Amino acid sequence: LQEALKRLGYLKIDRTTTYYGYMTRDAVMAFQRANKLAVDGVVGPNTIKVINKKLK
């Protein structure tokens, strides 16, 4: 998730981890807002679908 958000320009970190902290949550919310998704910080099926589409 962090790697995807980083590639898409929503997460500005040097090293990715598996930790879902405030920086990841904020990046998810920014992604959701920019893509007109429900802004809740939860990476549900709709968010995953749009992330995967953007990475193609």
PDB file of N, CA and C in Angstrom:
ATOM      1  N   LEU A   1       0.831  -1.194   0.000  1.00  0.00           N
ATOM      2  CA  LEU A   1       0.000   0.000   0.000  1.00  0.00           C
ATOM      3  C   LEU A   1       0.871   1.252   0.000  1.00  0.00           C
ATOM      4  N   GLN A   2       1.829   1.297   0.909  1.00  0.00           N
ATOM      5  CA  GLN A   2       2.697   2.478   0.964  1.00  0.00           C
ATOM      6  C   GLN A   2       3.471   2.658  -0.340  1.00  0.00           C
ATOM      7  N   GLU A   3       3.938   1.563  -0.891  1.00  0.00           N
ATOM      8  CA  GLU A   3       4.688   1.631  -2.151  1.00  0.00           C
ATOM      9  C   GLU A   3       3.806   2.202  -3.263  1.00  0.00           C
ATOM     10  N   ALA A   4       2.554   1.770  -3.319  1.00  0.00           N
ATOM     11  CA  ALA A   4       1.615   2.270  -4.329  1.00  0.00           C
ATOM     12  C   ALA A   4       1.346   3.751  -4.121  1.00  0.00           C
ATOM     13  N   LEU A   5       1.083   4.149  -2.889  1.00  0.00           N
ATOM     14  CA  LEU A   5       0.810   5.561  -2.597  1.00  0.00           C
ATOM     15  C   LEU A   5       2.035   6.422  -2.893  1.00  0.00           C
ATOM     16  N   LYS A   6       3.196   5.886  -2.637  1.00  0.00           N
ATOM     17  CA  LYS A   6       4.444   6.596  -2.937  1.00  0.00           C
ATOM     18  C   LYS A   6       4.601   6.777  -4.444  1.00  0.00           C
ATOM     19  N   ARG A   7       4.388   5.714  -5.205  1.00  0.00           N
ATOM     20  CA  ARG A   7       4.496   5.792  -6.672  1.00  0.00           C
ATOM     21  C   ARG A   7       3.495   6.777  -7.256  1.00  0.00           C
ATOM     22  N   LEU A   8       2.327   6.883  -6.632  1.00  0.00           N
ATOM     23  CA  LEU A   8       1.286   7.784  -7.130  1.00  0.00           C
ATOM     24  C   LEU A   8       1.464   9.218  -6.627  1.00  0.00           C
ATOM     25  N   GLY A   9       2.463   9.444  -5.772  1.00  0.00           N
ATOM     26  CA  GLY A   9       2.772  10.790  -5.306  1.00  0.00           C
ATOM     27  C   GLY A   9       2.011  11.247  -4.075  1.00  0.00           C
ATOM     28  N   TYR A  10       1.380  10.329  -3.374  1.00  0.00           N
ATOM     29  CA  TYR A  10       0.599  10.702  -2.195  1.00  0.00           C
ATOM     30  C   TYR A  10       1.335  10.492  -0.884  1.00  0.00           C
ATOM     31  N   LEU A  11       2.430   9.754  -0.906  1.00  0.00           N
ATOM     32  CA  LEU A  11       3.168   9.460   0.318  1.00  0.00           C
ATOM     33  C   LEU A  11       4.628   9.826   0.107  1.00  0.00           C
ATOM     34  N   LYS A  12       5.108  10.743   0.912  1.00  0.00           N
ATOM     35  CA  LYS A  12       6.477  11.242   0.784  1.00  0.00           C
ATOM     36  C   LYS A  12       7.341  10.668   1.905  1.00  0.00           C
ATOM     37  N   ILE A  13       7.780   9.425   1.720  1.00  0.00           N
ATOM     38  CA  ILE A  13       8.674   8.795   2.686  1.00  0.00           C
ATOM     39  C   ILE A  13       9.808   8.125   1.916  1.00  0.00           C
ATOM     40  N   ASP A  14      10.941   7.953   2.597  1.00  0.00           N
ATOM     41  CA  ASP A  14      12.091   7.317   1.951  1.00  0.00           C
ATOM     42  C   ASP A  14      11.963   5.804   1.935  1.00  0.00           C
ATOM     43  N   ARG A  15      11.508   5.247   3.045  1.00  0.00           N
ATOM     44  CA  ARG A  15      11.464   3.798   3.185  1.00  0.00           C
ATOM     45  C   ARG A  15      10.058   3.361   3.580  1.00  0.00           C
ATOM     46  N   THR A  16       9.512   2.401   2.862  1.00  0.00           N
ATOM     47  CA  THR A  16       8.171   1.917   3.180  1.00  0.00           C
ATOM     48  C   THR A  16       8.245   0.822   4.242  1.00  0.00           C
ATOM     49  N   THR A  17       7.146   0.690   4.982  1.00  0.00           N
ATOM     50  CA  THR A  17       7.029  -0.335   6.022  1.00  0.00           C
ATOM     51  C   THR A  17       5.655  -0.983   5.887  1.00  0.00           C
ATOM     52  N   THR A  18       5.334  -1.850   6.800  1.00  0.00           N
ATOM     53  CA  THR A  18       3.991  -2.442   6.829  1.00  0.00           C
ATOM     54  C   THR A  18       3.126  -1.753   7.877  1.00  0.00           C
ATOM     55  N   TYR A  19       3.637  -0.686   8.483  1.00  0.00           N
ATOM     56  CA  TYR A  19       2.929   0.031   9.542  1.00  0.00           C
ATOM     57  C   TYR A  19       1.924   1.014   8.936  1.00  0.00           C
ATOM     58  N   TYR A  20       0.669   0.930   9.388  1.00  0.00           N
ATOM     59  CA  TYR A  20      -0.369   1.859   8.926  1.00  0.00           C
ATOM     60  C   TYR A  20      -0.528   2.948   9.985  1.00  0.00           C
ATOM     61  N   GLY A  21       0.311   3.958   9.873  1.00  0.00           N
ATOM     62  CA  GLY A  21       0.292   5.057  10.826  1.00  0.00           C
ATOM     63  C   GLY A  21      -0.404   6.280  10.249  1.00  0.00           C
ATOM     64  N   TYR A  22      -0.231   7.398  10.926  1.00  0.00           N
ATOM     65  CA  TYR A  22      -0.920   8.624  10.516  1.00  0.00           C
ATOM     66  C   TYR A  22      -0.487   9.106   9.131  1.00  0.00           C
ATOM     67  N   MET A  23       0.772   8.901   8.764  1.00  0.00           N
ATOM     68  CA  MET A  23       1.219   9.357   7.442  1.00  0.00           C
ATOM     69  C   MET A  23       0.550   8.547   6.329  1.00  0.00           C
ATOM     70  N   THR A  24       0.443   7.251   6.535  1.00  0.00           N
ATOM     71  CA  THR A  24      -0.228   6.402   5.548  1.00  0.00           C
ATOM     72  C   THR A  24      -1.705   6.744   5.494  1.00  0.00           C
ATOM     73  N   ARG A  25      -2.322   6.900   6.655  1.00  0.00           N
ATOM     74  CA  ARG A  25      -3.746   7.257   6.704  1.00  0.00           C
ATOM     75  C   ARG A  25      -4.001   8.576   5.978  1.00  0.00           C
ATOM     76  N   ASP A  26      -3.171   9.569   6.230  1.00  0.00           N
ATOM     77  CA  ASP A  26      -3.340  10.868   5.573  1.00  0.00           C
ATOM     78  C   ASP A  26      -3.168  10.753   4.062  1.00  0.00           C
ATOM     79  N   ALA A  27      -2.225   9.917   3.624  1.00  0.00           N
ATOM     80  CA  ALA A  27      -2.014   9.703   2.190  1.00  0.00           C
ATOM     81  C   ALA A  27      -3.219   9.010   1.570  1.00  0.00           C
ATOM     82  N   VAL A  28      -3.770   8.021   2.277  1.00  0.00           N
ATOM     83  CA  VAL A  28      -4.971   7.326   1.795  1.00  0.00           C
ATOM     84  C   VAL A  28      -6.124   8.315   1.674  1.00  0.00           C
ATOM     85  N   MET A  29      -6.303   9.159   2.677  1.00  0.00           N
ATOM     86  CA  MET A  29      -7.396  10.134   2.649  1.00  0.00           C
ATOM     87  C   MET A  29      -7.206  11.143   1.518  1.00  0.00           C
ATOM     88  N   ALA A  30      -5.979  11.574   1.273  1.00  0.00           N
ATOM     89  CA  ALA A  30      -5.710  12.499   0.166  1.00  0.00           C
ATOM     90  C   ALA A  30      -6.017  11.824  -1.166  1.00  0.00           C
ATOM     91  N   PHE A  31      -5.631  10.555  -1.296  1.00  0.00           N
ATOM     92  CA  PHE A  31      -5.928   9.799  -2.512  1.00  0.00           C
ATOM     93  C   PHE A  31      -7.431   9.675  -2.698  1.00  0.00           C
ATOM     94  N   GLN A  32      -8.132   9.330  -1.639  1.00  0.00           N
ATOM     95  CA  GLN A  32      -9.586   9.180  -1.718  1.00  0.00           C
ATOM     96  C   GLN A  32     -10.242  10.502  -2.121  1.00  0.00           C
ATOM     97  N   ARG A  33      -9.819  11.580  -1.518  1.00  0.00           N
ATOM     98  CA  ARG A  33     -10.379  12.903  -1.822  1.00  0.00           C
ATOM     99  C   ARG A  33     -10.145  13.258  -3.293  1.00  0.00           C
ATOM    100  N   ALA A  34      -8.928  13.048  -3.766  1.00  0.00           N
ATOM    101  CA  ALA A  34      -8.569  13.393  -5.146  1.00  0.00           C
ATOM    102  C   ALA A  34      -9.310  12.540  -6.165  1.00  0.00           C
ATOM    103  N   ASN A  35      -9.746  11.362  -5.745  1.00  0.00           N
ATOM    104  CA  ASN A  35     -10.412  10.445  -6.669  1.00  0.00           C
ATOM    105  C   ASN A  35     -11.898  10.297  -6.389  1.00  0.00           C
ATOM    106  N   LYS A  36     -12.427  11.254  -5.626  1.00  0.00           N
ATOM    107  CA  LYS A  36     -13.865  11.332  -5.343  1.00  0.00           C
ATOM    108  C   LYS A  36     -14.424  10.037  -4.740  1.00  0.00           C
ATOM    109  N   LEU A  37     -13.645   9.479  -3.809  1.00  0.00           N
ATOM    110  CA  LEU A  37     -14.076   8.305  -3.060  1.00  0.00           C
ATOM    111  C   LEU A  37     -14.506   8.761  -1.669  1.00  0.00           C
ATOM    112  N   ALA A  38     -15.167   7.886  -0.931  1.00  0.00           N
ATOM    113  CA  ALA A  38     -15.511   8.195   0.457  1.00  0.00           C
ATOM    114  C   ALA A  38     -14.203   8.396   1.225  1.00  0.00           C
ATOM    115  N   VAL A  39     -14.066   9.558   1.856  1.00  0.00           N
ATOM    116  CA  VAL A  39     -12.831   9.895   2.568  1.00  0.00           C
ATOM    117  C   VAL A  39     -12.957   9.425   4.013  1.00  0.00           C
ATOM    118  N   ASP A  40     -12.461   8.207   4.258  1.00  0.00           N
ATOM    119  CA  ASP A  40     -12.544   7.647   5.604  1.00  0.00           C
ATOM    120  C   ASP A  40     -11.214   7.057   6.077  1.00  0.00           C
ATOM    121  N   GLY A  41     -10.206   7.062   5.214  1.00  0.00           N
ATOM    122  CA  GLY A  41      -8.910   6.514   5.594  1.00  0.00           C
ATOM    123  C   GLY A  41      -8.851   4.999   5.595  1.00  0.00           C
ATOM    124  N   VAL A  42      -9.955   4.366   5.229  1.00  0.00           N
ATOM    125  CA  VAL A  42     -10.024   2.907   5.184  1.00  0.00           C
ATOM    126  C   VAL A  42      -9.776   2.451   3.750  1.00  0.00           C
ATOM    127  N   VAL A  43      -8.893   1.492   3.584  1.00  0.00           N
ATOM    128  CA  VAL A  43      -8.576   0.994   2.248  1.00  0.00           C
ATOM    129  C   VAL A  43      -9.488  -0.195   1.954  1.00  0.00           C
ATOM    130  N   GLY A  44     -10.688   0.139   1.518  1.00  0.00           N
ATOM    131  CA  GLY A  44     -11.673  -0.877   1.175  1.00  0.00           C
ATOM    132  C   GLY A  44     -11.594  -1.233  -0.298  1.00  0.00           C
ATOM    133  N   PRO A  45     -12.548  -2.040  -0.764  1.00  0.00           N
ATOM    134  CA  PRO A  45     -12.526  -2.521  -2.149  1.00  0.00           C
ATOM    135  C   PRO A  45     -12.514  -1.408  -3.194  1.00  0.00           C
ATOM    136  N   ASN A  46     -13.270  -0.343  -2.969  1.00  0.00           N
ATOM    137  CA  ASN A  46     -13.313   0.746  -3.957  1.00  0.00           C
ATOM    138  C   ASN A  46     -11.975   1.474  -4.044  1.00  0.00           C
ATOM    139  N   THR A  47     -11.377   1.732  -2.899  1.00  0.00           N
ATOM    140  CA  THR A  47     -10.076   2.407  -2.885  1.00  0.00           C
ATOM    141  C   THR A  47      -9.018   1.536  -3.550  1.00  0.00           C
ATOM    142  N   ILE A  48      -9.002   0.257  -3.226  1.00  0.00           N
ATOM    143  CA  ILE A  48      -8.028  -0.663  -3.828  1.00  0.00           C
ATOM    144  C   ILE A  48      -8.202  -0.715  -5.341  1.00  0.00           C
ATOM    145  N   LYS A  49      -9.449  -0.768  -5.782  1.00  0.00           N
ATOM    146  CA  LYS A  49      -9.736  -0.830  -7.220  1.00  0.00           C
ATOM    147  C   LYS A  49      -9.171   0.389  -7.950  1.00  0.00           C
ATOM    148  N   VAL A  50      -9.368   1.572  -7.389  1.00  0.00           N
ATOM    149  CA  VAL A  50      -8.887   2.795  -8.035  1.00  0.00           C
ATOM    150  C   VAL A  50      -7.358   2.877  -7.966  1.00  0.00           C
ATOM    151  N   ILE A  51      -6.766   2.482  -6.846  1.00  0.00           N
ATOM    152  CA  ILE A  51      -5.302   2.466  -6.746  1.00  0.00           C
ATOM    153  C   ILE A  51      -4.724   1.566  -7.836  1.00  0.00           C
ATOM    154  N   ASN A  52      -5.257   0.364  -7.955  1.00  0.00           N
ATOM    155  CA  ASN A  52      -4.755  -0.575  -8.968  1.00  0.00           C
ATOM    156  C   ASN A  52      -4.935  -0.039 -10.381  1.00  0.00           C
ATOM    157  N   LYS A  53      -6.057   0.617 -10.632  1.00  0.00           N
ATOM    158  CA  LYS A  53      -6.316   1.198 -11.957  1.00  0.00           C
ATOM    159  C   LYS A  53      -5.294   2.291 -12.268  1.00  0.00           C
ATOM    160  N   LYS A  54      -4.995   3.126 -11.281  1.00  0.00           N
ATOM    161  CA  LYS A  54      -4.043   4.226 -11.481  1.00  0.00           C
ATOM    162  C   LYS A  54      -2.618   3.717 -11.697  1.00  0.00           C
ATOM    163  N   LEU A  55      -2.299   2.557 -11.142  1.00  0.00           N
ATOM    164  CA  LEU A  55      -0.948   2.008 -11.273  1.00  0.00           C
ATOM    165  C   LEU A  55      -0.701   1.343 -12.618  1.00  0.00           C
ATOM    166  N   LYS A  56      -1.754   1.071 -13.372  1.00  0.00           N
ATOM    167  CA  LYS A  56      -1.588   0.403 -14.672  1.00  0.00           C
ATOM    168  C   LYS A  56      -1.080   1.352 -15.730  1.00  0.00           C
TER     169      LYS A  56
END
